[in-house]
């Protein structure tokens, strides 16, 4: 029988090392995929014990588990760009920050937020090479239209995800440069980018 053994002391050391490397910049801990096998709640609880209170998920149930088990005030970001109205409504009920990775998502979230008479907090996703979802760097017009036209979206962040940070440093630098260029254009036009994030652990 195979076993997956996690030594809590070593996990705690790793968390503290990441905090030290971050130099006070808030860490958003990704706990998707059942906490990468560690369990959403055990991992989140260990992280919380070390002062981390920002979590990223990809499934509604992961957000529900956090809210139902002592993480009432934690910031939770949905990394998946959701367009299903029922799922969006539930995520808003859970006070989850939503990812806008397409114009359709922007429209759906804006409409729902308008119905609720309450702005929805969102992060914009830029696709610099991952190819999963998000706005391409050249789609700057779509991004600015979100700021200008979607009055019920509160843009609180902009992010990307590196395609192969562990194996291709040159490509990663190119992706980072493309991401910075998008941020620069948005800021030059007077738009607030909020929390900017792109550094996965690789």
Protein backbone atom coordinates (compact mmCIF):
# COMPACT_ATOMS: atom_id res chain seq x y z
CA UNK A 1 0.00 0.00 0.00
CA UNK A 2 1.35 3.42 -0.97
CA UNK A 3 1.21 6.33 1.46
CA UNK A 4 1.46 10.07 0.97
CA UNK A 5 3.11 11.42 4.10
CA UNK A 6 3.18 15.16 4.81
CA UNK A 7 5.45 16.34 7.59
CA UNK A 8 3.73 19.35 9.13
CA UNK A 9 6.96 20.79 10.50
CA UNK A 10 8.52 20.86 7.04
CA UNK A 11 5.35 22.30 5.53
CA UNK A 12 5.43 25.04 8.18
CA UNK A 13 9.07 25.77 7.34
CA UNK A 14 8.21 26.09 3.66
CA UNK A 15 5.37 28.50 4.39
CA UNK A 16 7.61 30.68 6.52
CA UNK A 17 10.31 30.60 3.82
CA UNK A 18 7.81 31.80 1.22
CA UNK A 19 6.69 34.59 3.53
CA UNK A 20 10.30 35.65 3.99
CA UNK A 21 10.88 35.65 0.22
CA UNK A 22 7.72 37.72 -0.31
CA UNK A 23 9.09 40.58 1.83
CA UNK A 24 5.70 41.47 3.24
CA UNK A 25 3.77 41.19 -0.03
CA UNK A 26 0.51 39.30 0.65
CA UNK A 27 0.53 35.67 -0.44
CA UNK A 28 -2.45 34.18 -2.24
CA UNK A 29 -2.40 30.47 -1.44
CA UNK A 30 -3.79 28.18 -4.13
CA UNK A 31 -5.74 25.35 -2.48
CA UNK A 32 -7.46 23.97 -5.58
CA UNK A 33 -7.58 20.27 -6.43
CA UNK A 34 -8.32 19.30 -2.82
CA UNK A 35 -5.31 21.30 -1.72
CA UNK A 36 -3.14 19.45 -4.27
CA UNK A 37 -3.89 16.27 -2.38
CA UNK A 38 -3.32 17.69 1.10
CA UNK A 39 -7.01 18.47 1.64
CA UNK A 40 -8.51 21.92 1.19
CA UNK A 41 -9.25 22.44 4.87
CA UNK A 42 -6.08 20.94 6.43
CA UNK A 43 -3.92 22.96 4.06
CA UNK A 44 -5.91 26.17 4.53
CA UNK A 45 -5.84 25.73 8.31
CA UNK A 46 -2.07 25.25 8.28
CA UNK A 47 -1.65 28.33 6.11
CA UNK A 48 -3.98 30.37 8.33
CA UNK A 49 -1.93 29.39 11.37
CA UNK A 50 0.94 31.21 9.66
CA UNK A 51 -1.04 34.36 8.93
CA UNK A 52 -2.13 33.66 5.35
CA UNK A 53 -5.75 34.62 4.75
CA UNK A 54 -6.04 34.85 0.97
CA UNK A 55 -6.99 31.69 -0.91
CA UNK A 56 -7.51 30.70 -4.55
CA UNK A 57 -9.88 27.96 -5.68
CA UNK A 58 -11.22 26.58 -8.95
CA UNK A 59 -14.42 24.92 -7.74
CA UNK A 60 -17.47 26.30 -5.96
CA UNK A 61 -17.36 23.51 -3.38
CA UNK A 62 -13.84 24.52 -2.35
CA UNK A 63 -15.10 28.03 -1.59
CA UNK A 64 -18.07 26.58 0.30
CA UNK A 65 -15.80 24.39 2.43
CA UNK A 66 -13.72 27.39 3.44
CA UNK A 67 -16.73 29.54 4.29
CA UNK A 68 -18.38 26.70 6.24
CA UNK A 69 -15.29 25.95 8.32
CA UNK A 70 -13.99 29.09 9.95
CA UNK A 71 -12.89 31.19 6.96
CA UNK A 72 -15.78 33.65 7.05
CA UNK A 73 -13.60 36.71 6.51
CA UNK A 74 -10.87 35.28 4.28
CA UNK A 75 -10.47 36.61 0.77
CA UNK A 76 -11.27 33.88 -1.76
CA UNK A 77 -10.50 34.21 -5.46
CA UNK A 78 -12.09 31.92 -8.05
CA UNK A 79 -9.36 31.25 -10.60
CA UNK A 80 -11.77 29.83 -13.18
CA UNK A 81 -13.70 32.24 -15.40
CA UNK A 82 -17.35 31.36 -14.72
CA UNK A 83 -20.33 32.24 -16.94
CA UNK A 84 -23.09 29.96 -15.59
CA UNK A 85 -25.67 32.24 -13.88
CA UNK A 86 -26.53 29.76 -11.12
CA UNK A 87 -22.91 29.15 -10.22
CA UNK A 88 -22.13 32.87 -10.36
CA UNK A 89 -25.04 33.62 -8.02
CA UNK A 90 -23.78 31.09 -5.49
CA UNK A 91 -20.22 32.44 -5.68
CA UNK A 92 -21.49 35.97 -5.08
CA UNK A 93 -23.49 34.68 -2.10
CA UNK A 94 -20.21 33.28 -0.77
CA UNK A 95 -18.48 36.66 -1.30
CA UNK A 96 -15.97 35.14 -3.69
CA UNK A 97 -13.85 37.39 -5.89
CA UNK A 98 -14.53 36.37 -9.48
CA UNK A 99 -12.15 36.01 -12.42
CA UNK A 100 -13.11 37.74 -15.64
CA UNK A 101 -11.36 35.88 -18.43
CA UNK A 102 -13.72 36.64 -21.31
CA UNK A 103 -16.13 39.29 -22.50
CA UNK A 104 -19.00 36.86 -21.89
CA UNK A 105 -17.97 36.46 -18.26
CA UNK A 106 -17.80 40.24 -17.87
CA UNK A 107 -21.31 40.60 -19.28
CA UNK A 108 -22.83 37.84 -17.14
CA UNK A 109 -21.26 39.05 -13.90
CA UNK A 110 -22.16 42.68 -14.62
CA UNK A 111 -25.79 41.77 -15.30
CA UNK A 112 -26.07 39.72 -12.12
CA UNK A 113 -24.39 42.40 -10.01
CA UNK A 114 -26.78 44.99 -11.44
CA UNK A 115 -29.76 42.82 -10.47
CA UNK A 116 -28.39 42.64 -6.94
CA UNK A 117 -27.63 46.36 -6.81
CA UNK A 118 -24.18 45.52 -5.50
CA UNK A 119 -20.85 45.66 -7.36
CA UNK A 120 -19.03 42.37 -7.90
CA UNK A 121 -15.33 42.25 -7.06
CA UNK A 122 -13.34 40.80 -9.94
CA UNK A 123 -9.79 40.17 -11.11
CA UNK A 124 -8.99 40.34 -14.81
CA UNK A 125 -7.08 37.38 -16.26
CA UNK A 126 -4.50 37.99 -19.00
CA UNK A 127 -3.45 35.03 -21.15
CA UNK A 128 0.27 35.53 -21.80
CA UNK A 129 0.86 31.99 -23.01
CA UNK A 130 -1.00 29.46 -20.88
CA UNK A 131 -3.80 29.21 -23.42
CA UNK A 132 -6.38 28.20 -20.84
CA UNK A 133 -8.54 31.34 -20.76
CA UNK A 134 -8.08 35.06 -20.38
CA UNK A 135 -7.65 38.13 -22.57
CA UNK A 136 -4.73 38.14 -24.97
CA UNK A 137 -2.31 41.06 -24.51
CA UNK A 138 -3.45 42.55 -27.83
CA UNK A 139 -7.07 42.62 -26.63
CA UNK A 140 -6.47 45.79 -24.68
CA UNK A 141 -9.65 47.33 -26.12
CA UNK A 142 -11.74 44.62 -24.46
CA UNK A 143 -10.03 45.26 -21.14
CA UNK A 144 -10.58 49.00 -21.29
CA UNK A 145 -14.21 48.43 -22.30
CA UNK A 146 -14.73 46.46 -19.10
CA UNK A 147 -13.53 49.42 -17.07
CA UNK A 148 -15.61 51.89 -19.06
CA UNK A 149 -18.82 49.97 -19.71
CA UNK A 150 -19.27 47.38 -16.97
CA UNK A 151 -20.29 49.72 -14.19
CA UNK A 152 -21.19 46.94 -11.74
CA UNK A 153 -17.76 45.31 -11.83
CA UNK A 154 -15.19 46.46 -9.28
CA UNK A 155 -11.80 45.53 -10.71
CA UNK A 156 -9.63 44.69 -7.72
CA UNK A 157 -6.82 42.86 -9.48
CA UNK A 158 -5.14 41.76 -12.71
CA UNK A 159 -3.19 38.56 -13.14
CA UNK A 160 -1.65 36.00 -15.43
CA UNK A 161 -0.29 32.47 -15.08
CA UNK A 162 3.07 31.44 -16.46
CA UNK A 163 2.99 28.60 -18.97
CA UNK A 164 6.15 26.74 -17.92
CA UNK A 165 7.95 28.65 -15.18
CA UNK A 166 9.85 25.56 -14.06
CA UNK A 167 11.33 24.63 -17.42
CA UNK A 168 11.59 27.67 -19.69
CA UNK A 169 13.00 30.82 -18.10
CA UNK A 170 13.29 32.68 -21.41
CA UNK A 171 9.62 32.14 -22.24
CA UNK A 172 8.63 33.06 -18.69
CA UNK A 173 10.50 36.36 -18.98
CA UNK A 174 8.72 37.04 -22.27
CA UNK A 175 5.36 36.33 -20.67
CA UNK A 176 6.22 38.59 -17.75
CA UNK A 177 7.20 41.38 -20.15
CA UNK A 178 3.91 40.98 -22.04
CA UNK A 179 2.01 41.13 -18.76
CA UNK A 180 3.86 44.26 -17.66
CA UNK A 181 3.10 45.88 -21.01
CA UNK A 182 -0.64 45.32 -20.49
CA UNK A 183 -0.43 46.76 -16.99
CA UNK A 184 1.47 49.75 -18.31
CA UNK A 185 -1.16 50.48 -20.94
CA UNK A 186 -4.00 50.25 -18.45
CA UNK A 187 -2.26 52.55 -16.00
CA UNK A 188 -1.36 55.06 -18.71
CA UNK A 189 -5.06 55.32 -19.52
CA UNK A 190 -5.84 55.96 -15.86
CA UNK A 191 -7.27 52.57 -14.90
CA UNK A 192 -6.58 51.09 -11.47
CA UNK A 193 -5.08 47.60 -11.65
CA UNK A 194 -5.46 46.75 -7.97
CA UNK A 195 -3.69 43.61 -6.77
CA UNK A 196 -1.28 42.47 -9.48
CA UNK A 197 -0.22 38.84 -9.31
CA UNK A 198 1.54 36.38 -11.58
CA UNK A 199 4.16 34.46 -9.60
CA UNK A 200 3.25 30.84 -9.15
CA UNK A 201 5.60 28.92 -6.86
CA UNK A 202 7.76 27.79 -9.79
